[in-house]
Each structure stands twice: as structure tokens, then as C-alpha cells.
Amino acid sequence: MFVKLNVDRSSLGNPEPSGGGGIICNHFGEALHAFSSLYDHCTNMEAKAKALLDGIKLCVSLSLCRVLVELDSQSSALRTFSCNTSVEN
């Protein structure tokens, strides 16, 4: 069974101070975990990438092995990863 990771970001400008976060839901759409972070000056895409990395790291730390990732950006595609995927800092 999959869980779904949704991430997004917010920025005061491009580049400016930014934040990002997301939510992990089970296959019923029920929230399991949520997270948010503040980032220094970065572009919109950098903030989204940082939020995505934060979300993936959270999934790995929770041993969530089958994850469907959804982003709202046209430049980002729907992706999945499994436990054997390496997550570097």
C-alpha cells in the first residue's frame, strides 16, 4: 500500500526568504504526518526542492517505503520511490 506525499512552498519573492512543507496521507486520504520548514533566501524552485527533500527524508525516517509524491509545479512530475532509493544530504 502506498502513502502520498504532497509538498509545496511559499516565498516572499524570487529569491527571498521562503518556506516549504507538506503532508503525508494514507491510502484513505487521512493525514499521517505534516511538516514545515523556513529557508533562507532561495528561489521558488529551490524552496520546492528543499521541501521535497525534507518530505522524502521524513518518509525514510518513518520507514514509509512506497511513497507517491505529488507536486503542483509543471516542471515537477509525479514520482514514486522505494526503500532502496538513496537519499543524500
Protein backbone atom coordinates (compact mmCIF):
# COMPACT_ATOMS: atom_id res chain seq x y z
CA MET A 1 0.00 0.00 0.00
CA PHE A 2 1.21 3.50 -0.85
CA VAL A 3 1.24 6.69 1.15
CA LYS A 4 1.05 10.03 -0.62
CA LEU A 5 3.44 12.92 0.00
CA ASN A 6 2.22 16.36 -1.10
CA VAL A 7 4.68 19.26 -0.89
CA ASP A 8 4.59 22.95 -1.71
CA ARG A 9 6.46 26.15 -0.92
CA SER A 10 5.85 29.83 -0.34
CA SER A 11 8.17 32.73 -0.99
CA LEU A 12 8.12 36.47 -0.36
CA GLY A 13 9.90 37.00 -3.69
CA ASN A 14 12.22 35.23 -6.05
CA PRO A 15 14.75 34.92 -4.43
CA GLU A 16 13.68 35.91 -0.94
CA PRO A 17 13.07 34.18 2.39
CA SER A 18 10.98 31.09 1.74
CA GLY A 19 9.26 28.24 3.46
CA GLY A 20 8.06 24.83 2.48
CA GLY A 21 6.19 21.92 3.86
CA GLY A 22 3.94 19.05 3.15
CA ILE A 23 1.64 16.34 4.32
CA ILE A 24 1.79 12.55 4.21
CA CYS A 25 -1.56 10.77 3.83
CA ASN A 26 -2.52 7.12 3.86
CA HIS A 27 -4.44 5.38 1.08
CA PHE A 28 -7.72 6.62 2.62
CA GLY A 29 -6.55 10.25 2.37
CA GLU A 30 -6.15 10.54 6.14
CA ALA A 31 -3.26 12.71 7.33
CA LEU A 32 -0.45 10.74 8.97
CA HIS A 33 2.23 13.43 9.33
CA ALA A 34 2.74 17.06 8.37
CA PHE A 35 5.89 19.18 8.33
CA SER A 36 7.10 22.68 7.54
CA SER A 37 10.44 24.49 7.40
CA LEU A 38 11.74 28.01 6.91
CA TYR A 39 14.55 28.50 4.39
CA ASP A 40 16.97 31.37 3.84
CA HIS A 41 16.97 33.35 0.62
CA CYS A 42 16.31 30.97 -2.26
CA THR A 43 14.34 30.79 -5.47
CA ASN A 44 10.86 29.30 -5.72
CA MET A 45 12.19 26.11 -7.28
CA GLU A 46 14.95 25.79 -4.67
CA ALA A 47 12.37 26.11 -1.90
CA LYS A 48 10.20 23.45 -3.53
CA ALA A 49 13.20 21.13 -3.91
CA LYS A 50 14.12 21.64 -0.25
CA ALA A 51 10.54 20.89 0.83
CA LEU A 52 10.55 17.76 -1.32
CA LEU A 53 13.84 16.60 0.20
CA ASP A 54 12.51 17.28 3.71
CA GLY A 55 9.42 15.21 2.90
CA ILE A 56 11.39 12.31 1.46
CA LYS A 57 13.73 12.29 4.45
CA LEU A 58 10.69 12.20 6.76
CA CYS A 59 9.22 9.27 4.82
CA VAL A 60 12.52 7.39 5.07
CA SER A 61 12.79 8.10 8.82
CA LEU A 62 9.25 6.76 9.28
CA SER A 63 10.08 3.63 7.22
CA LEU A 64 7.43 4.53 4.66
CA CYS A 65 8.69 2.55 1.70
CA ARG A 66 6.06 3.02 -1.00
CA VAL A 67 5.54 6.72 -1.48
CA LEU A 68 3.67 8.57 -4.20
CA VAL A 69 4.98 12.15 -4.47
CA GLU A 70 2.75 14.90 -5.81
CA LEU A 71 3.85 18.44 -6.60
CA ASP A 72 1.84 21.25 -8.16
CA SER A 73 4.61 22.55 -10.43
CA GLN A 74 4.53 21.92 -14.17
CA SER A 75 8.29 21.44 -14.02
CA SER A 76 7.86 18.66 -11.47
CA ALA A 77 6.47 15.28 -12.39
CA LEU A 78 4.64 12.69 -10.33
CA ARG A 79 7.26 10.33 -8.93
CA THR A 80 7.47 7.28 -6.70
CA PHE A 81 10.36 5.88 -4.73
CA SER A 82 11.02 2.72 -2.77
CA CYS A 83 13.13 1.89 0.28
CA ASN A 84 16.16 1.08 -1.82
CA THR A 85 16.31 4.68 -3.07
CA SER A 86 19.31 6.57 -1.69
CA VAL A 87 18.66 9.95 -0.07
CA GLU A 88 21.80 12.07 0.24
CA ASN A 89 22.11 15.20 2.42
